Every structure is written in C-alpha cells, then in structure tokens.
Amino acid sequence: MVASGDPHGMRPPHIALAALVAAVWGVNFVVIELGLGHFPPLLFSALRFLAAALPAVFLVGPPKVAWKWLLGVGMVLGVAKFGLLFIGMDRGAGAGLSSLVLQVQAVFTALFAAVVLGERPGRVRLLGMAVALAGIGVAAVDEGASGPVLAFVLVVAAAACWGVSNVLTRRAAPPDALNFMVWVSTVPVLPLLGLSLIFEGWDRDRAALAGLDWSGAGIIVYVAWITTVFGFGAWGFLLSRYPASSVAPFTLLVPVFGMSSAALFLGEPVSGLRWCAAALLVGGVALTSLAGTRRTAARQTAPAPADEPAPA
C-alpha cells in the first residue's frame, strides 16, 4: 500500500493532528506516574491493556495478521517493555526522563534489524545511533548524580524490548496499525496479572482495586483509550495518507511534551545535563529514524512498522 496524501507536504489540519498525537503520548508519561500512585506497576500495566482491548476488539474486527505475531509482540512489547517501564518509573525514573530515554528504541531497532533482518545501516544512521547513545551516556551521568540508577537501567531495558518488538512488528507487516495494536493488547493481560499476583501480592492488588476512584478510572481511560486507541487510530490514518518520512518527525516531539509536562505538572527539575542529553538523543534519533524512512519513501512502499512508535 502506498501513502496517497499530498506529496508536497501535510495539510495544516493533519499537521495539527500529528502534533496532538505527540502531545497525547508525551503527557501520557505524567499520567503513568500519577497512576502509579493508585496501582502497583504490573497491575497498572495489566489494567491498561485490559481497558485498551475491551471493548475495542469488537470495533476493529478480527485480527489481520497471524496469531504468532500477535503473541510475540504482545509478550515482548506488552509484558516485557511496559512491565519494565512501569517498574522503572515506580522505582524513581521520572516521567520526563522516561519519555526521553525510551526514544533510544530507534537505536535498538536499527541494531536488531541489522542482526535479524540483515538490514545494513548506512553512514547517516550509524552517526545517528552514535549521537543517540552519547545522549544516553549523558542522561546516565545526570541520573547517577540525582536519581536511582536501577530505575534508569530498567527504562533503558524497556527501550531495548521495544526495539525487539519493532523488528517483530516489521516481520508481521500489519496492514492496519490500530487493529494490530488492539489485538496485541489482548495478549499481556493475563501474564501481567499473574506476575502481579506473584511479585506484588494479592493483598496489594485487592487494596488497589478496592480503592479505585474516579481519578484512578480516568487514568486508566487515558492510558488505554486516549494514548492507545485514539493515538494509534490517528497515527494509522496519517500514515495511510502521507509517507512515513513526513509523519515520523512528529514523534520527536514526544519527549519535548513529556519533559515539559513533567516539569509543569509534577515539578520535575530539568538540569543542564538533561537538556544536553535531550538534544543528543532527539538529534540522534532523528538521524537514525529519518534515514530509514527516507529510503522507505524512495522505494514507494508502505511505511515500515519498525519506525512507528508505540505509546507509553
């Protein structure tokens, strides 16, 4: 399928929609941090996927890829990536930092694609990977001086799992991003609930559910329906009309919105080192991601799912 939008650029309403999706995904990190005050991390992640899957599965129709891909992406993205991310944030990785560090998934995606799919990164992509990794190094120095290192490592591990899931998604080649994400969301629910019962305990889970109030329910609705259903629905719509090289740059706004909203709503400080890390990471991810999307657009093929973000 070839994108059928205006080849000379995106229309202003669609530019606004792309920026809105980036804002929704960026602010989502603040919402996650608030949600961790209501729920244990693994239970919270399970509830997020449960709410995203039901009743959306009845709206998007049957799955359009083989179940082996849904199971693979569901376990790696849903259980491993989100489990590690939520635990990392629960242990002290701030919303702004997490929104930034997760963008290194573009580097992991390129590395894993080179190993598994035989995709040889060009010079521009290699430069981008090096710049982004330098940003991670600066962020690690900043976090080592001001926050828990283990939480930082867990978020980096979550980004690596995201990279693996991106390669699996590329192999799956889903024709409908929203349909794919909704069905993927059905997979992690039971594994996450089981892990929550084992590691977080029945008493803690029961207390969280018994204390569910309107704010907790609103948080679940936001992370499930706004970031997942609306976010992926809008993103899939944009990718169906424009080349990935036109749409993908808007994902670079996610950490901008994430860090800004964390500073505004949570009072998270942003040090000079973190701004330096942000510049390196965003610049490196731009080189890494856009080098690939330009090649994709030049071949006039469908946008590669591996270069498409998932909401946090």
C-alpha atoms as a PDB file:
ATOM      1  CA  MET A   1       0.000   0.000   0.000  1.00  0.00           C
ATOM      2  CA  VAL A   2       1.375   3.397  -0.962  1.00  0.00           C
ATOM      3  CA  ALA A   3       0.528   6.504   1.011  1.00  0.00           C
ATOM      4  CA  SER A   4      -1.910   8.565  -1.023  1.00  0.00           C
ATOM      5  CA  GLY A   5      -1.595  12.028   0.577  1.00  0.00           C
ATOM      6  CA  ASP A   6      -0.272  15.267  -0.830  1.00  0.00           C
ATOM      7  CA  PRO A   7       3.343  14.567  -1.920  1.00  0.00           C
ATOM      8  CA  HIS A   8       4.346  18.185  -1.281  1.00  0.00           C
ATOM      9  CA  GLY A   9       3.513  18.203   2.420  1.00  0.00           C
ATOM     10  CA  MET A  10       0.887  17.610   5.055  1.00  0.00           C
ATOM     11  CA  ARG A  11      -2.272  19.699   5.228  1.00  0.00           C
ATOM     12  CA  PRO A  12      -2.485  22.034   8.267  1.00  0.00           C
ATOM     13  CA  PRO A  13      -5.308  20.028   9.975  1.00  0.00           C
ATOM     14  CA  HIS A  14      -3.199  16.870   9.659  1.00  0.00           C
ATOM     15  CA  ILE A  15      -0.110  18.667  10.988  1.00  0.00           C
ATOM     16  CA  ALA A  16      -2.216  19.679  13.997  1.00  0.00           C
ATOM     17  CA  LEU A  17      -3.414  16.080  14.407  1.00  0.00           C
ATOM     18  CA  ALA A  18       0.153  14.727  14.310  1.00  0.00           C
ATOM     19  CA  ALA A  19       1.248  17.288  16.914  1.00  0.00           C
ATOM     20  CA  LEU A  20      -1.776  16.384  19.062  1.00  0.00           C
ATOM     21  CA  VAL A  21      -0.842  12.695  18.987  1.00  0.00           C
ATOM     22  CA  ALA A  22       2.724  13.565  20.029  1.00  0.00           C
ATOM     23  CA  ALA A  23       1.330  15.687  22.874  1.00  0.00           C
ATOM     24  CA  VAL A  24      -1.003  12.895  23.991  1.00  0.00           C
ATOM     25  CA  TRP A  25       1.869  10.408  24.030  1.00  0.00           C
ATOM     26  CA  GLY A  26       4.186  12.843  25.811  1.00  0.00           C
ATOM     27  CA  VAL A  27       1.697  13.786  28.534  1.00  0.00           C
ATOM     28  CA  ASN A  28       0.992  10.065  28.964  1.00  0.00           C
ATOM     29  CA  PHE A  29       4.198   9.711  30.979  1.00  0.00           C
ATOM     30  CA  VAL A  30       2.847  12.168  33.531  1.00  0.00           C
ATOM     31  CA  VAL A  31      -0.419  10.222  33.653  1.00  0.00           C
ATOM     32  CA  ILE A  32       1.507   6.979  34.175  1.00  0.00           C
ATOM     33  CA  GLU A  33       3.376   8.489  37.116  1.00  0.00           C
ATOM     34  CA  LEU A  34       0.085   9.610  38.633  1.00  0.00           C
ATOM     35  CA  GLY A  35      -1.376   6.172  38.038  1.00  0.00           C
ATOM     36  CA  LEU A  36       1.482   4.532  39.927  1.00  0.00           C
ATOM     37  CA  GLY A  37       0.161   6.328  42.991  1.00  0.00           C
ATOM     38  CA  HIS A  38      -3.059   4.328  42.587  1.00  0.00           C
ATOM     39  CA  PHE A  39      -1.860   0.909  41.399  1.00  0.00           C
ATOM     40  CA  PRO A  40       1.165  -1.392  41.672  1.00  0.00           C
ATOM     41  CA  PRO A  41       3.110  -1.194  38.389  1.00  0.00           C
ATOM     42  CA  LEU A  42       2.363  -4.661  36.979  1.00  0.00           C
ATOM     43  CA  LEU A  43      -1.314  -4.464  37.896  1.00  0.00           C
ATOM     44  CA  PHE A  44      -1.486  -0.981  36.378  1.00  0.00           C
ATOM     45  CA  SER A  45       0.015  -2.257  33.117  1.00  0.00           C
ATOM     46  CA  ALA A  46      -2.448  -5.172  33.044  1.00  0.00           C
ATOM     47  CA  LEU A  47      -5.413  -2.845  33.577  1.00  0.00           C
ATOM     48  CA  ARG A  48      -4.158  -0.563  30.827  1.00  0.00           C
ATOM     49  CA  PHE A  49      -4.131  -3.394  28.294  1.00  0.00           C
ATOM     50  CA  LEU A  50      -7.420  -4.820  29.513  1.00  0.00           C
ATOM     51  CA  ALA A  51      -9.134  -1.458  29.037  1.00  0.00           C
ATOM     52  CA  ALA A  52      -7.481  -0.960  25.639  1.00  0.00           C
ATOM     53  CA  ALA A  53      -8.581  -4.374  24.396  1.00  0.00           C
ATOM     54  CA  LEU A  54     -12.171  -4.312  25.635  1.00  0.00           C
ATOM     55  CA  PRO A  55     -14.461  -3.385  24.004  1.00  0.00           C
ATOM     56  CA  ALA A  56     -12.133  -2.230  21.184  1.00  0.00           C
ATOM     57  CA  VAL A  57     -11.775  -5.791  19.828  1.00  0.00           C
ATOM     58  CA  PHE A  58     -15.443  -5.643  18.871  1.00  0.00           C
ATOM     59  CA  LEU A  59     -14.905  -2.385  16.969  1.00  0.00           C
ATOM     60  CA  VAL A  60     -11.795  -3.152  14.909  1.00  0.00           C
ATOM     61  CA  GLY A  61     -12.831  -6.525  13.531  1.00  0.00           C
ATOM     62  CA  PRO A  62     -10.855  -9.788  13.530  1.00  0.00           C
ATOM     63  CA  PRO A  63      -7.042  -9.729  13.597  1.00  0.00           C
ATOM     64  CA  LYS A  64      -5.360  -9.189  10.227  1.00  0.00           C
ATOM     65  CA  VAL A  65      -2.050 -10.913  10.980  1.00  0.00           C
ATOM     66  CA  ALA A  66      -1.178 -14.397  12.231  1.00  0.00           C
ATOM     67  CA  TRP A  67      -1.547 -15.036  15.953  1.00  0.00           C
ATOM     68  CA  LYS A  68       2.137 -15.956  16.277  1.00  0.00           C
ATOM     69  CA  TRP A  69       2.986 -12.300  15.618  1.00  0.00           C
ATOM     70  CA  LEU A  70       0.313 -11.025  17.996  1.00  0.00           C
ATOM     71  CA  LEU A  71       1.608 -13.338  20.731  1.00  0.00           C
ATOM     72  CA  GLY A  72       5.246 -12.421  20.092  1.00  0.00           C
ATOM     73  CA  VAL A  73       4.690  -8.662  20.063  1.00  0.00           C
ATOM     74  CA  GLY A  74       2.208  -8.897  22.928  1.00  0.00           C
ATOM     75  CA  MET A  75       4.728 -10.622  25.180  1.00  0.00           C
ATOM     76  CA  VAL A  76       7.758  -8.526  24.255  1.00  0.00           C
ATOM     77  CA  LEU A  77       6.016  -5.152  23.994  1.00  0.00           C
ATOM     78  CA  GLY A  78       3.159  -5.628  26.447  1.00  0.00           C
ATOM     79  CA  VAL A  79       4.741  -7.725  29.189  1.00  0.00           C
ATOM     80  CA  ALA A  80       8.470  -7.005  28.947  1.00  0.00           C
ATOM     81  CA  LYS A  81       8.609  -3.412  27.681  1.00  0.00           C
ATOM     82  CA  PHE A  82       5.689  -1.964  29.615  1.00  0.00           C
ATOM     83  CA  GLY A  83       6.391  -4.082  32.685  1.00  0.00           C
ATOM     84  CA  LEU A  84       9.970  -2.804  32.855  1.00  0.00           C
ATOM     85  CA  LEU A  85       8.904   0.776  32.097  1.00  0.00           C
ATOM     86  CA  PHE A  86       6.220   0.871  34.790  1.00  0.00           C
ATOM     87  CA  ILE A  87       8.508  -0.767  37.371  1.00  0.00           C
ATOM     88  CA  GLY A  88      11.316   1.639  36.456  1.00  0.00           C
ATOM     89  CA  MET A  89       9.034   4.639  36.860  1.00  0.00           C
ATOM     90  CA  ASP A  90       7.669   3.195  40.103  1.00  0.00           C
ATOM     91  CA  ARG A  91      11.234   2.941  41.402  1.00  0.00           C
ATOM     92  CA  GLY A  92      12.037   6.554  40.667  1.00  0.00           C
ATOM     93  CA  ALA A  93      12.597   7.172  36.956  1.00  0.00           C
ATOM     94  CA  GLY A  94      10.776  10.455  36.382  1.00  0.00           C
ATOM     95  CA  ALA A  95       8.150  10.957  33.698  1.00  0.00           C
ATOM     96  CA  GLY A  96      10.273  13.444  31.753  1.00  0.00           C
ATOM     97  CA  LEU A  97      13.402  11.291  31.866  1.00  0.00           C
ATOM     98  CA  SER A  98      11.460   8.184  30.839  1.00  0.00           C
ATOM     99  CA  SER A  99       9.844   9.927  27.884  1.00  0.00           C
ATOM    100  CA  LEU A 100      13.325  10.902  26.734  1.00  0.00           C
ATOM    101  CA  VAL A 101      15.271   7.694  27.361  1.00  0.00           C
ATOM    102  CA  LEU A 102      12.675   5.490  25.688  1.00  0.00           C
ATOM    103  CA  GLN A 103      13.442   7.189  22.366  1.00  0.00           C
ATOM    104  CA  VAL A 104      16.677   5.204  22.214  1.00  0.00           C
ATOM    105  CA  GLN A 105      14.420   2.389  20.999  1.00  0.00           C
ATOM    106  CA  ALA A 106      15.230   3.673  17.489  1.00  0.00           C
ATOM    107  CA  VAL A 107      18.863   2.666  18.033  1.00  0.00           C
ATOM    108  CA  PHE A 108      17.924  -0.760  19.373  1.00  0.00           C
ATOM    109  CA  THR A 109      15.525  -1.234  16.463  1.00  0.00           C
ATOM    110  CA  ALA A 110      18.274  -0.488  13.939  1.00  0.00           C
ATOM    111  CA  LEU A 111      20.728  -2.818  15.727  1.00  0.00           C
ATOM    112  CA  PHE A 112      18.280  -5.718  15.976  1.00  0.00           C
ATOM    113  CA  ALA A 113      17.109  -5.203  12.376  1.00  0.00           C
ATOM    114  CA  ALA A 114      20.735  -5.417  11.249  1.00  0.00           C
ATOM    115  CA  VAL A 115      21.253  -8.688  13.122  1.00  0.00           C
ATOM    116  CA  VAL A 116      17.906 -10.386  12.468  1.00  0.00           C
ATOM    117  CA  LEU A 117      16.774  -8.922   9.148  1.00  0.00           C
ATOM    118  CA  GLY A 118      20.171  -8.266   7.598  1.00  0.00           C
ATOM    119  CA  GLU A 119      19.441  -4.543   7.172  1.00  0.00           C
ATOM    120  CA  ARG A 120      22.760  -2.750   6.828  1.00  0.00           C
ATOM    121  CA  PRO A 121      22.611   0.731   8.383  1.00  0.00           C
ATOM    122  CA  GLY A 122      24.087   3.493   6.249  1.00  0.00           C
ATOM    123  CA  ARG A 123      26.516   6.144   7.394  1.00  0.00           C
ATOM    124  CA  VAL A 124      23.813   8.608   8.417  1.00  0.00           C
ATOM    125  CA  ARG A 125      22.013   6.006  10.504  1.00  0.00           C
ATOM    126  CA  LEU A 126      25.254   4.888  12.160  1.00  0.00           C
ATOM    127  CA  LEU A 127      26.036   8.513  13.004  1.00  0.00           C
ATOM    128  CA  GLY A 128      22.556   8.938  14.457  1.00  0.00           C
ATOM    129  CA  MET A 129      22.978   5.812  16.580  1.00  0.00           C
ATOM    130  CA  ALA A 130      26.280   7.072  17.948  1.00  0.00           C
ATOM    131  CA  VAL A 131      24.835  10.504  18.772  1.00  0.00           C
ATOM    132  CA  ALA A 132      21.781   8.967  20.475  1.00  0.00           C
ATOM    133  CA  LEU A 133      23.963   6.611  22.537  1.00  0.00           C
ATOM    134  CA  ALA A 134      26.056   9.608  23.595  1.00  0.00           C
ATOM    135  CA  GLY A 135      22.798  11.172  24.785  1.00  0.00           C
ATOM    136  CA  ILE A 136      22.043   8.061  26.834  1.00  0.00           C
ATOM    137  CA  GLY A 137      25.511   8.337  28.369  1.00  0.00           C
ATOM    138  CA  VAL A 138      24.894  11.957  29.361  1.00  0.00           C
ATOM    139  CA  ALA A 139      21.463  11.051  30.751  1.00  0.00           C
ATOM    140  CA  ALA A 140      23.050   8.222  32.769  1.00  0.00           C
ATOM    141  CA  VAL A 141      25.581  10.631  34.262  1.00  0.00           C
ATOM    142  CA  ASP A 142      22.774  13.042  35.147  1.00  0.00           C
ATOM    143  CA  GLU A 143      20.642  10.288  36.663  1.00  0.00           C
ATOM    144  CA  GLY A 144      23.602   8.835  38.578  1.00  0.00           C
ATOM    145  CA  ALA A 145      24.077  12.217  40.206  1.00  0.00           C
ATOM    146  CA  SER A 146      20.432  12.863  41.001  1.00  0.00           C
ATOM    147  CA  GLY A 147      18.318   9.694  40.904  1.00  0.00           C
ATOM    148  CA  PRO A 148      18.208   5.892  41.238  1.00  0.00           C
ATOM    149  CA  VAL A 149      20.454   4.202  38.663  1.00  0.00           C
ATOM    150  CA  LEU A 150      18.480   0.928  38.715  1.00  0.00           C
ATOM    151  CA  ALA A 151      15.325   2.739  37.627  1.00  0.00           C
ATOM    152  CA  PHE A 152      17.257   4.305  34.745  1.00  0.00           C
ATOM    153  CA  VAL A 153      18.587   0.892  33.683  1.00  0.00           C
ATOM    154  CA  LEU A 154      15.074  -0.582  33.738  1.00  0.00           C
ATOM    155  CA  VAL A 155      13.838   2.153  31.371  1.00  0.00           C
ATOM    156  CA  VAL A 156      16.771   1.509  29.006  1.00  0.00           C
ATOM    157  CA  ALA A 157      15.929  -2.213  29.115  1.00  0.00           C
ATOM    158  CA  ALA A 158      12.325  -1.306  28.280  1.00  0.00           C
ATOM    159  CA  ALA A 159      13.598   0.605  25.235  1.00  0.00           C
ATOM    160  CA  ALA A 160      15.570  -2.483  24.162  1.00  0.00           C
ATOM    161  CA  CYS A 161      12.441  -4.628  24.427  1.00  0.00           C
ATOM    162  CA  TRP A 162      10.602  -2.031  22.348  1.00  0.00           C
ATOM    163  CA  GLY A 163      13.305  -2.427  19.700  1.00  0.00           C
ATOM    164  CA  VAL A 164      12.757  -6.201  19.628  1.00  0.00           C
ATOM    165  CA  SER A 165       9.003  -5.717  19.298  1.00  0.00           C
ATOM    166  CA  ASN A 166       9.564  -3.269  16.433  1.00  0.00           C
ATOM    167  CA  VAL A 167      11.502  -5.900  14.498  1.00  0.00           C
ATOM    168  CA  LEU A 168       8.744  -8.449  15.168  1.00  0.00           C
ATOM    169  CA  THR A 169       6.182  -5.892  14.003  1.00  0.00           C
ATOM    170  CA  ARG A 170       8.129  -5.357  10.806  1.00  0.00           C
ATOM    171  CA  ARG A 171       8.082  -9.103  10.160  1.00  0.00           C
ATOM    172  CA  ALA A 172       4.351  -9.182  10.882  1.00  0.00           C
ATOM    173  CA  ALA A 173       3.744  -6.256   8.459  1.00  0.00           C
ATOM    174  CA  PRO A 174       0.269  -5.418   9.840  1.00  0.00           C
ATOM    175  CA  PRO A 175      -1.927  -3.646   7.272  1.00  0.00           C
ATOM    176  CA  ASP A 176      -3.904  -1.842   9.996  1.00  0.00           C
ATOM    177  CA  ALA A 177      -1.947  -0.308  12.905  1.00  0.00           C
ATOM    178  CA  LEU A 178      -4.981   0.177  15.149  1.00  0.00           C
ATOM    179  CA  ASN A 179      -6.352  -3.325  14.575  1.00  0.00           C
ATOM    180  CA  PHE A 180      -2.898  -4.739  15.293  1.00  0.00           C
ATOM    181  CA  MET A 181      -2.387  -2.758  18.497  1.00  0.00           C
ATOM    182  CA  VAL A 182      -5.829  -3.611  19.866  1.00  0.00           C
ATOM    183  CA  TRP A 183      -5.315  -7.340  19.324  1.00  0.00           C
ATOM    184  CA  VAL A 184      -1.764  -7.150  20.697  1.00  0.00           C
ATOM    185  CA  SER A 185      -3.315  -5.585  23.813  1.00  0.00           C
ATOM    186  CA  THR A 186      -5.275  -8.784  24.493  1.00  0.00           C
ATOM    187  CA  VAL A 187      -2.073 -10.807  24.973  1.00  0.00           C
ATOM    188  CA  PRO A 188      -0.355  -9.214  28.012  1.00  0.00           C
ATOM    189  CA  VAL A 189      -3.402  -9.030  30.294  1.00  0.00           C
ATOM    190  CA  LEU A 190      -3.232 -12.494  31.883  1.00  0.00           C
ATOM    191  CA  PRO A 191       0.595 -12.724  32.051  1.00  0.00           C
ATOM    192  CA  LEU A 192       0.795  -9.313  33.721  1.00  0.00           C
ATOM    193  CA  LEU A 193      -1.970 -10.187  36.167  1.00  0.00           C
ATOM    194  CA  GLY A 194      -0.148 -13.418  37.030  1.00  0.00           C
ATOM    195  CA  LEU A 195       3.151 -11.613  37.541  1.00  0.00           C
ATOM    196  CA  SER A 196       1.405  -9.010  39.663  1.00  0.00           C
ATOM    197  CA  LEU A 197      -0.080 -11.675  41.914  1.00  0.00           C
ATOM    198  CA  ILE A 198       3.342 -13.327  42.276  1.00  0.00           C
ATOM    199  CA  PHE A 199       5.502 -10.259  42.841  1.00  0.00           C
ATOM    200  CA  GLU A 200       3.076  -7.610  44.106  1.00  0.00           C
ATOM    201  CA  GLY A 201       0.753  -9.862  46.045  1.00  0.00           C
ATOM    202  CA  TRP A 202      -2.973 -10.429  46.225  1.00  0.00           C
ATOM    203  CA  ASP A 203      -3.410  -8.122  49.207  1.00  0.00           C
ATOM    204  CA  ARG A 204      -1.780  -5.164  47.460  1.00  0.00           C
ATOM    205  CA  ASP A 205      -3.703  -5.752  44.233  1.00  0.00           C
ATOM    206  CA  ARG A 206      -7.002  -6.160  46.061  1.00  0.00           C
ATOM    207  CA  ALA A 207      -6.431  -2.981  48.045  1.00  0.00           C
ATOM    208  CA  ALA A 208      -5.682  -1.034  44.857  1.00  0.00           C
ATOM    209  CA  LEU A 209      -8.826  -2.296  43.136  1.00  0.00           C
ATOM    210  CA  ALA A 210     -10.983  -1.755  46.221  1.00  0.00           C
ATOM    211  CA  GLY A 211      -9.724   1.838  46.425  1.00  0.00           C
ATOM    212  CA  LEU A 212     -10.437   2.595  42.769  1.00  0.00           C
ATOM    213  CA  ASP A 213     -11.943   6.074  42.471  1.00  0.00           C
ATOM    214  CA  TRP A 214     -12.841   8.416  39.632  1.00  0.00           C
ATOM    215  CA  SER A 215      -9.300   9.714  39.271  1.00  0.00           C
ATOM    216  CA  GLY A 216      -7.901   6.190  39.049  1.00  0.00           C
ATOM    217  CA  ALA A 217     -10.540   5.221  36.498  1.00  0.00           C
ATOM    218  CA  GLY A 218      -9.796   8.365  34.486  1.00  0.00           C
ATOM    219  CA  ILE A 219      -6.104   7.483  34.433  1.00  0.00           C
ATOM    220  CA  ILE A 220      -6.886   4.007  33.077  1.00  0.00           C
ATOM    221  CA  VAL A 221      -9.141   5.500  30.409  1.00  0.00           C
ATOM    222  CA  TYR A 222      -6.419   7.950  29.344  1.00  0.00           C
ATOM    223  CA  VAL A 223      -3.566   5.440  29.081  1.00  0.00           C
ATOM    224  CA  ALA A 224      -5.788   2.873  27.336  1.00  0.00           C
ATOM    225  CA  TRP A 225      -8.203   4.758  25.123  1.00  0.00           C
ATOM    226  CA  ILE A 226      -6.572   8.138  24.547  1.00  0.00           C
ATOM    227  CA  THR A 227      -2.965   7.021  24.063  1.00  0.00           C
ATOM    228  CA  THR A 228      -3.653   3.616  22.501  1.00  0.00           C
ATOM    229  CA  VAL A 229      -6.978   3.665  20.666  1.00  0.00           C
ATOM    230  CA  PHE A 230      -7.056   7.344  19.680  1.00  0.00           C
ATOM    231  CA  GLY A 231      -3.273   7.659  19.314  1.00  0.00           C
ATOM    232  CA  PHE A 232      -2.810   4.636  17.081  1.00  0.00           C
ATOM    233  CA  GLY A 233      -6.023   5.296  15.189  1.00  0.00           C
ATOM    234  CA  ALA A 234      -4.896   8.831  14.329  1.00  0.00           C
ATOM    235  CA  TRP A 235      -1.338   7.730  13.588  1.00  0.00           C
ATOM    236  CA  GLY A 236      -2.513   4.962  11.285  1.00  0.00           C
ATOM    237  CA  PHE A 237      -4.769   7.465   9.499  1.00  0.00           C
ATOM    238  CA  LEU A 238      -1.831   9.819   8.920  1.00  0.00           C
ATOM    239  CA  LEU A 239       0.437   7.025   7.684  1.00  0.00           C
ATOM    240  CA  SER A 240      -2.266   5.942   5.247  1.00  0.00           C
ATOM    241  CA  ARG A 241      -2.261   9.414   3.652  1.00  0.00           C
ATOM    242  CA  TYR A 242       1.385  10.514   3.816  1.00  0.00           C
ATOM    243  CA  PRO A 243       4.845   8.929   3.533  1.00  0.00           C
ATOM    244  CA  ALA A 244       6.447   7.880   6.801  1.00  0.00           C
ATOM    245  CA  SER A 245       9.180  10.469   6.154  1.00  0.00           C
ATOM    246  CA  SER A 246       6.526  13.196   6.515  1.00  0.00           C
ATOM    247  CA  VAL A 247       4.832  11.771   9.617  1.00  0.00           C
ATOM    248  CA  ALA A 248       7.733  10.249  11.583  1.00  0.00           C
ATOM    249  CA  PRO A 249       9.434  13.552  12.562  1.00  0.00           C
ATOM    250  CA  PHE A 250       6.475  14.408  14.783  1.00  0.00           C
ATOM    251  CA  THR A 251       7.474  11.579  17.157  1.00  0.00           C
ATOM    252  CA  LEU A 252      10.484  13.698  18.095  1.00  0.00           C
ATOM    253  CA  LEU A 253       8.029  15.991  19.874  1.00  0.00           C
ATOM    254  CA  VAL A 254       7.057  13.219  22.326  1.00  0.00           C
ATOM    255  CA  PRO A 255       9.984  13.774  24.752  1.00  0.00           C
ATOM    256  CA  VAL A 256       9.534  17.541  24.378  1.00  0.00           C
ATOM    257  CA  PHE A 257       5.937  17.247  25.575  1.00  0.00           C
ATOM    258  CA  GLY A 258       6.947  14.602  28.124  1.00  0.00           C
ATOM    259  CA  MET A 259       9.671  16.688  29.754  1.00  0.00           C
ATOM    260  CA  SER A 260       7.650  19.911  29.581  1.00  0.00           C
ATOM    261  CA  SER A 261       4.505  18.396  31.096  1.00  0.00           C
ATOM    262  CA  ALA A 262       6.539  16.647  33.808  1.00  0.00           C
ATOM    263  CA  ALA A 263       8.137  19.968  34.743  1.00  0.00           C
ATOM    264  CA  LEU A 264       4.783  21.770  34.627  1.00  0.00           C
ATOM    265  CA  PHE A 265       2.521  19.281  36.407  1.00  0.00           C
ATOM    266  CA  LEU A 266       4.941  17.294  38.575  1.00  0.00           C
ATOM    267  CA  GLY A 267       7.584  19.920  39.236  1.00  0.00           C
ATOM    268  CA  GLU A 268      10.365  17.705  37.842  1.00  0.00           C
ATOM    269  CA  PRO A 269      13.597  19.706  37.547  1.00  0.00           C
ATOM    270  CA  VAL A 270      15.375  19.705  34.190  1.00  0.00           C
ATOM    271  CA  SER A 271      19.120  20.111  34.679  1.00  0.00           C
ATOM    272  CA  GLY A 272      21.596  21.408  32.136  1.00  0.00           C
ATOM    273  CA  LEU A 273      22.909  17.866  31.659  1.00  0.00           C
ATOM    274  CA  ARG A 274      19.406  16.628  30.909  1.00  0.00           C
ATOM    275  CA  TRP A 275      18.878  19.311  28.286  1.00  0.00           C
ATOM    276  CA  CYS A 276      22.186  18.249  26.734  1.00  0.00           C
ATOM    277  CA  ALA A 277      21.064  14.608  26.812  1.00  0.00           C
ATOM    278  CA  ALA A 278      17.755  15.607  25.238  1.00  0.00           C
ATOM    279  CA  ALA A 279      19.479  17.440  22.385  1.00  0.00           C
ATOM    280  CA  LEU A 280      21.783  14.498  21.683  1.00  0.00           C
ATOM    281  CA  LEU A 281      19.040  11.865  21.944  1.00  0.00           C
ATOM    282  CA  VAL A 282      16.473  13.697  19.849  1.00  0.00           C
ATOM    283  CA  GLY A 283      19.078  14.624  17.242  1.00  0.00           C
ATOM    284  CA  GLY A 284      20.464  11.098  17.115  1.00  0.00           C
ATOM    285  CA  VAL A 285      17.021   9.514  16.900  1.00  0.00           C
ATOM    286  CA  ALA A 286      16.120  11.948  14.108  1.00  0.00           C
ATOM    287  CA  LEU A 287      19.139  10.825  12.082  1.00  0.00           C
ATOM    288  CA  THR A 288      18.568   7.143  12.884  1.00  0.00           C
ATOM    289  CA  SER A 289      14.852   7.113  12.129  1.00  0.00           C
ATOM    290  CA  LEU A 290      14.596   9.522   9.230  1.00  0.00           C
ATOM    291  CA  ALA A 291      17.452   7.887   7.327  1.00  0.00           C
ATOM    292  CA  GLY A 292      15.332   4.743   7.228  1.00  0.00           C
ATOM    293  CA  THR A 293      12.021   6.431   6.437  1.00  0.00           C
ATOM    294  CA  ARG A 294      13.554   8.338   3.543  1.00  0.00           C
ATOM    295  CA  ARG A 295      14.718   5.071   1.988  1.00  0.00           C
ATOM    296  CA  THR A 296      11.260   3.632   2.522  1.00  0.00           C
ATOM    297  CA  ALA A 297       9.589   6.605   0.868  1.00  0.00           C
ATOM    298  CA  ALA A 298      12.051   6.470  -2.027  1.00  0.00           C
ATOM    299  CA  ARG A 299      11.031   2.879  -2.718  1.00  0.00           C
ATOM    300  CA  GLN A 300       7.353   3.950  -2.554  1.00  0.00           C
ATOM    301  CA  THR A 301       6.479   1.113  -0.238  1.00  0.00           C
ATOM    302  CA  ALA A 302       4.227   1.125   2.793  1.00  0.00           C
ATOM    303  CA  PRO A 303       5.656   2.795   5.927  1.00  0.00           C
ATOM    304  CA  ALA A 304       7.744   0.335   7.909  1.00  0.00           C
ATOM    305  CA  PRO A 305       6.088  -0.549  11.200  1.00  0.00           C
ATOM    306  CA  ALA A 306       9.505  -0.756  12.843  1.00  0.00           C
ATOM    307  CA  ASP A 307       9.885   3.001  12.555  1.00  0.00           C
ATOM    308  CA  GLU A 308       6.469   3.614  14.077  1.00  0.00           C
ATOM    309  CA  PRO A 309       6.250   4.456  17.766  1.00  0.00           C
ATOM    310  CA  ALA A 310       4.039   2.895  20.328  1.00  0.00           C
ATOM    311  CA  PRO A 311       2.501   4.935  23.052  1.00  0.00           C
ATOM    312  CA  ALA A 312       3.985   4.605  26.507  1.00  0.00           C
END
